[in-house]
Protein backbone atom coordinates (compact mmCIF):
# COMPACT_ATOMS: atom_id res chain seq x y z
CA MET A 1 -5.30 -24.86 -13.44
CA LEU A 2 -7.68 -22.93 -11.25
CA ALA A 3 -5.73 -24.08 -8.15
CA ALA A 4 -2.51 -22.92 -9.67
CA ALA A 5 -4.08 -19.53 -10.54
CA ARG A 6 -5.23 -19.19 -6.87
CA ILE A 7 -1.72 -19.91 -5.68
CA VAL A 8 -0.22 -17.26 -7.94
CA VAL A 9 -2.87 -14.72 -6.89
CA THR A 10 -2.24 -15.38 -3.28
CA LEU A 11 1.55 -15.59 -3.56
CA LEU A 12 1.90 -12.31 -5.42
CA LYS A 13 -0.80 -10.60 -3.18
CA LEU A 14 -2.48 -9.35 -6.30
CA ARG A 15 -5.11 -7.53 -4.45
CA ILE A 16 -2.51 -5.40 -2.72
CA GLY A 17 -0.72 -5.10 -5.98
CA VAL A 18 -3.66 -3.76 -7.76
CA ALA A 19 -4.09 -1.16 -5.05
CA ILE A 20 -0.42 -0.14 -5.45
CA ALA A 21 -0.75 -0.07 -9.29
CA ALA A 22 -3.88 2.09 -8.86
CA SER A 23 -1.84 4.44 -6.75
CA ALA A 24 0.78 4.66 -9.41
CA LEU A 25 -1.97 5.50 -11.99
CA ALA A 26 -3.33 8.16 -9.63
CA GLY A 27 0.09 9.68 -9.46
CA LEU A 28 0.24 9.69 -13.22
CA ALA A 29 -3.22 11.20 -13.51
CA ALA A 30 -2.46 13.93 -10.88
CA ALA A 31 0.85 15.01 -12.58
CA SER A 32 1.08 17.94 -14.98
CA GLY A 33 2.76 17.53 -18.30
CA GLU A 34 2.43 15.97 -21.72
CA PRO A 35 0.29 12.86 -21.76
CA VAL A 36 1.93 9.50 -22.40
CA SER A 37 0.53 6.75 -24.63
CA ALA A 38 -1.84 4.01 -23.45
CA GLY A 39 0.89 1.44 -24.15
CA ARG A 40 3.34 3.14 -21.88
CA ILE A 41 0.77 3.46 -19.13
CA ALA A 42 -0.15 -0.21 -19.51
CA ALA A 43 3.56 -1.18 -19.41
CA LEU A 44 4.20 0.88 -16.28
CA THR A 45 1.12 -0.62 -14.57
CA LEU A 46 2.39 -4.07 -15.33
CA ALA A 47 5.92 -3.12 -13.97
CA VAL A 48 4.37 -1.85 -10.76
CA LEU A 49 2.30 -5.00 -10.42
CA GLY A 50 5.38 -7.14 -11.05
CA ALA A 51 7.61 -5.36 -8.55
CA ALA A 52 4.94 -5.34 -5.90
CA GLY A 53 4.26 -9.04 -6.62
CA ALA A 54 7.89 -9.96 -6.28
CA ALA A 55 8.13 -8.17 -2.91
CA ALA A 56 5.06 -9.85 -1.70
CA ALA A 57 6.23 -13.26 -2.80
CA PHE A 58 9.44 -12.71 -0.94
CA ASN A 59 7.41 -11.74 2.16
CA HIS A 60 5.54 -15.05 1.90
CA TYR A 61 8.73 -16.99 1.51
CA TYR A 62 10.59 -15.15 4.36
CA GLU A 63 7.74 -15.31 6.83
CA ARG A 64 6.55 -18.84 6.11
CA ASP A 65 7.32 -20.07 9.61
CA SER A 66 5.55 -17.29 11.40
CA ASP A 67 2.63 -17.39 9.01
CA ARG A 68 1.88 -20.86 10.21
CA LEU A 69 1.18 -19.34 13.64
CA MET A 70 -1.45 -17.03 12.39
CA THR A 71 -4.93 -18.14 11.42
CA ARG A 72 -5.15 -15.36 8.86
CA THR A 73 -2.03 -16.34 7.05
CA SER A 74 -1.70 -20.16 7.68
CA GLY A 75 -3.12 -21.02 4.36
CA ARG A 76 -0.53 -19.07 2.36
CA PRO A 77 1.39 -21.22 -0.24
CA PHE A 78 4.62 -21.59 1.69
CA ALA A 79 3.17 -21.68 5.09
CA SER A 80 0.64 -24.37 4.14
CA GLY A 81 3.19 -26.52 2.26
CA GLN A 82 1.57 -26.07 -1.11
CA LEU A 83 5.00 -24.67 -2.24
CA LYS A 84 8.24 -26.05 -0.90
CA PRO A 85 11.05 -23.65 0.09
CA GLY A 86 14.28 -23.76 -1.82
CA PRO A 87 17.04 -21.50 -3.21
CA ALA A 88 15.30 -21.20 -6.64
CA TRP A 89 12.51 -19.15 -5.13
CA PRO A 90 14.42 -16.08 -4.10
CA VAL A 91 16.25 -16.15 -7.49
CA THR A 92 12.84 -16.24 -9.21
CA PHE A 93 11.50 -13.41 -7.16
CA SER A 94 14.64 -11.33 -7.93
CA ALA A 95 14.26 -12.08 -11.62
CA LEU A 96 10.63 -10.90 -11.56
CA LEU A 97 11.74 -7.66 -9.76
CA GLY A 98 14.55 -7.16 -12.28
CA ALA A 99 12.28 -7.64 -15.30
CA SER A 100 9.69 -5.18 -13.67
CA ILE A 101 12.33 -2.51 -13.09
CA LEU A 102 13.55 -2.86 -16.59
CA LEU A 103 9.97 -2.60 -17.93
CA ALA A 104 9.43 0.58 -15.77
CA TRP A 105 12.65 2.09 -17.15
CA ALA A 106 11.73 1.30 -20.78
CA SER A 107 8.17 2.69 -20.41
CA ALA A 108 8.59 5.57 -18.01
CA GLY A 109 12.27 6.41 -17.57
CA THR A 110 14.99 6.19 -15.06
CA VAL A 111 13.36 8.13 -12.18
CA ALA A 112 10.10 6.16 -12.39
CA ALA A 113 12.09 2.87 -12.35
CA LEU A 114 13.99 3.95 -9.34
CA TYR A 115 10.74 4.68 -7.46
CA VAL A 116 9.36 1.24 -8.42
CA PHE A 117 12.57 -0.34 -7.18
CA LEU A 118 12.48 1.61 -3.85
CA GLY A 119 8.85 0.70 -3.30
CA ALA A 120 9.66 -3.05 -3.65
CA ILE A 121 12.78 -2.89 -1.60
CA THR A 122 10.98 -0.92 1.20
CA TYR A 123 8.40 -3.55 1.56
CA GLY A 124 10.54 -6.69 0.80
CA LEU A 125 13.58 -5.88 2.76
CA VAL A 126 13.23 -2.78 4.98
CA TYR A 127 9.74 -3.73 6.33
CA THR A 128 9.80 -7.54 6.14
CA VAL A 129 13.35 -8.31 7.15
CA TRP A 130 14.50 -5.36 9.16
CA LEU A 131 11.55 -3.72 10.95
CA LYS A 132 8.51 -5.99 11.26
CA ARG A 133 9.81 -7.86 14.33
CA ARG A 134 12.01 -5.12 15.75
CA THR A 135 9.56 -2.19 16.35
CA ALA A 136 5.94 -1.46 16.90
CA TRP A 137 6.34 1.36 14.47
CA ASN A 138 7.29 -1.01 11.60
CA ILE A 139 4.45 -0.19 9.31
CA VAL A 140 5.17 3.53 9.54
CA ILE A 141 8.38 3.18 7.47
CA GLY A 142 6.76 0.30 5.46
CA GLY A 143 4.07 2.73 4.38
CA LEU A 144 6.60 4.37 1.95
CA ALA A 145 6.15 1.46 -0.41
CA GLY A 146 2.82 2.86 -1.58
CA SER A 147 4.13 6.38 -1.64
CA PHE A 148 6.89 5.40 -4.07
CA ALA A 149 4.24 4.00 -6.44
CA VAL A 150 2.48 7.43 -6.57
CA LEU A 151 5.82 9.10 -7.29
CA ALA A 152 6.63 6.41 -9.98
CA GLY A 153 3.45 7.25 -11.78
CA ALA A 154 3.99 11.06 -11.59
CA ALA A 155 7.56 10.55 -12.90
CA ALA A 156 6.16 8.87 -15.99
CA ILE A 157 4.80 12.31 -16.89
CA ASP A 158 7.58 14.48 -15.55
CA PRO A 159 10.64 13.26 -13.53
CA GLN A 160 10.81 16.51 -11.71
CA PRO A 161 8.94 16.74 -8.41
CA GLN A 162 5.46 18.25 -8.46
CA TRP A 163 3.30 19.46 -5.62
CA VAL A 164 0.09 17.38 -6.11
CA PRO A 165 1.78 14.00 -6.59
CA GLY A 166 4.14 14.83 -3.71
CA ILE A 167 1.15 15.62 -1.43
CA LEU A 168 -0.73 12.49 -2.47
CA ALA A 169 2.41 10.42 -1.69
CA VAL A 170 2.46 11.80 1.79
CA VAL A 171 -1.28 11.10 2.13
CA LEU A 172 -0.59 7.44 1.25
CA PHE A 173 2.28 7.36 3.70
CA LEU A 174 -0.05 8.58 6.48
CA TRP A 175 -2.84 6.15 5.26
CA THR A 176 -0.87 2.88 5.61
CA PRO A 177 -0.35 2.87 9.50
CA PRO A 178 -4.02 3.32 10.50
CA HIS A 179 -5.07 0.86 7.78
CA PHE A 180 -2.85 -1.91 9.05
CA TRP A 181 -3.10 -0.96 12.72
CA SER A 182 -6.82 -1.45 12.45
CA LEU A 183 -6.37 -4.86 10.94
CA ALA A 184 -3.76 -5.73 13.61
CA ALA A 185 -6.31 -4.63 16.30
CA ALA A 186 -9.00 -6.86 14.79
CA LYS A 187 -6.50 -9.75 14.60
CA ALA A 188 -4.47 -9.05 17.69
CA ASP A 189 -4.32 -12.69 18.81
CA ASP A 190 -2.80 -13.69 15.49
CA TYR A 191 -0.07 -11.13 15.66
CA ALA A 192 0.69 -11.90 19.29
CA ALA A 193 1.00 -15.57 18.56
CA ALA A 194 3.46 -14.89 15.78
CA GLY A 195 5.45 -12.53 17.89
CA VAL A 196 4.92 -9.51 15.65
CA PRO A 197 4.94 -6.29 17.77
CA MET A 198 2.24 -4.37 15.94
CA LEU A 199 1.25 -1.24 17.87
CA PRO A 200 -2.20 -2.57 18.94
CA VAL A 201 -0.53 -5.70 20.32
CA VAL A 202 2.04 -3.95 22.59
CA ALA A 203 0.49 -0.57 23.42
CA SER A 204 -2.57 0.36 25.50
CA GLU A 205 -5.86 0.84 23.84
CA ARG A 206 -5.63 4.68 24.39
CA GLU A 207 -2.30 4.78 22.80
CA TRP A 208 -2.95 2.88 19.56
CA THR A 209 -6.41 4.24 19.09
CA LEU A 210 -5.11 7.73 19.49
CA ALA A 211 -2.31 7.02 17.07
CA ILE A 212 -4.92 5.71 14.53
CA LEU A 213 -7.09 8.85 14.96
CA SER A 214 -4.13 11.21 14.77
CA TYR A 215 -2.81 9.67 11.49
CA THR A 216 -6.33 9.64 10.02
CA ALA A 217 -7.03 13.22 11.01
CA ALA A 218 -3.69 14.23 9.34
CA LEU A 219 -4.29 12.45 6.09
CA ALA A 220 -7.90 13.57 5.85
CA ALA A 221 -6.88 17.16 6.15
CA LEU A 222 -3.87 16.79 3.91
CA SER A 223 -5.88 15.08 1.21
CA LEU A 224 -7.82 18.30 0.75
CA ALA A 225 -4.58 20.25 -0.02
CA PRO A 226 -4.53 19.45 -3.74
CA ILE A 227 -7.66 21.45 -4.21
CA PHE A 228 -5.51 24.55 -3.76
CA PHE A 229 -3.21 23.30 -6.56
CA GLY A 230 -5.90 22.99 -9.16
CA MET A 231 -7.39 19.55 -8.59
CA GLY A 232 -10.99 21.03 -8.54
CA TRP A 233 -14.28 20.60 -6.77
CA ILE A 234 -14.85 16.93 -8.06
CA TYR A 235 -11.70 15.80 -6.37
CA GLY A 236 -12.61 17.71 -3.36
CA VAL A 237 -15.92 16.05 -2.94
CA PHE A 238 -14.44 12.56 -3.14
CA ALA A 239 -11.50 13.42 -0.96
CA ALA A 240 -13.68 15.05 1.70
CA GLY A 241 -16.23 12.25 1.62
CA GLY A 242 -13.70 9.46 2.00
CA GLY A 243 -11.49 11.31 4.56
CA GLY A 244 -14.62 12.22 6.53
CA TRP A 245 -15.86 8.74 6.76
CA PHE A 246 -12.42 7.28 7.66
CA LEU A 247 -12.08 9.95 10.33
CA TRP A 248 -15.59 9.25 11.77
CA LYS A 249 -14.83 5.52 12.00
CA SER A 250 -11.41 6.26 13.64
CA TRP A 251 -13.19 8.51 16.20
CA GLN A 252 -15.64 5.71 16.98
CA LEU A 253 -12.79 3.21 17.41
CA HIS A 254 -10.94 5.70 19.79
CA HIS A 255 -14.17 6.36 21.71
CA ALA A 256 -15.16 2.66 22.07
CA PRO A 257 -12.36 0.28 21.18
CA SER A 258 -13.39 -3.19 20.00
CA ARG A 259 -12.37 -5.72 17.39
CA LYS A 260 -15.58 -5.01 15.51
CA ALA A 261 -14.87 -1.27 15.51
CA ALA A 262 -11.35 -1.97 14.34
CA MET A 263 -12.47 -4.06 11.47
CA ALA A 264 -15.02 -1.30 10.57
CA ASN A 265 -12.17 1.28 10.46
CA PHE A 266 -10.06 -1.09 8.43
CA LEU A 267 -12.80 -1.22 5.81
CA ALA A 268 -13.29 2.62 6.12
CA SER A 269 -9.57 2.96 5.18
CA ARG A 270 -10.28 1.03 2.00
CA VAL A 271 -13.27 3.13 1.11
CA GLN A 272 -11.22 6.39 1.72
CA LEU A 273 -8.50 5.22 -0.69
CA LEU A 274 -10.97 4.14 -3.25
CA LEU A 275 -12.76 7.42 -3.19
CA LEU A 276 -9.53 9.35 -3.23
CA VAL A 277 -8.30 7.49 -6.35
CA VAL A 278 -11.64 7.80 -8.13
CA GLY A 279 -11.70 11.54 -7.35
CA ILE A 280 -8.20 11.90 -8.87
CA PHE A 281 -9.18 10.04 -12.05
CA LEU A 282 -12.46 11.91 -12.50
CA SER A 283 -10.70 15.30 -11.97
CA ALA A 284 -8.22 14.33 -14.59
CA LEU A 285 -10.96 13.29 -17.04
CA VAL A 286 -12.89 16.49 -16.63
CA GLY A 287 -9.67 18.50 -16.98
């Protein structure tokens, strides 16, 4: 039973799914409008988790051959042979996505369901199938998957666009490339062996470290913009702290590139996102 649970957690990439669900909840908390019930919030959270999990499982299935070439991914269920490929799997993943979209529609409305669908399709098809092996800028477009989660959460409150959730969606869009480029730099041999043209694999150190620094500077600055739309000082402290730390680590990586510095920047990106989300929640609680 424990082994089966581990396979499910790995297959659905639940750690990433939780981050995406948290982003949706952050969008919900940042939106202005009438509050929704705890039941609807829970249902939307489950819908986002399910859709993200379906896209992640398809990613495992589609990339099973290349995953075997990477130390980091060789133990994944399809790559390792724990699960055998077959036509039933894509049907199962599609069913999970369909059920998740239906749940999002029932709990949060048509616009929220559309955003949940777009997030899953962006990661599962646009990034995994179309872009990942075709361009070094693959993750830039792939970063939209998380942005759509923020917008889905906000749409549960009000389907009309709002400034703060929109800004936060752009912040998450800017966050994704330096996050994954830092990981790719730390695991460059893996990506090169699998033939994945991540920017740190195909560009010079100056180019990819400057790209990371530029994206981080932009997101750190933009993350402060919601202060001017009423988010308050609590949010500002968390956003400034997380953005400042991420920016400092990105500068260190640019100044002295190394795999250790790249992994430190990858971890700093996680800290930044965590502090940003916590700041949004605390600001919403204080009112």
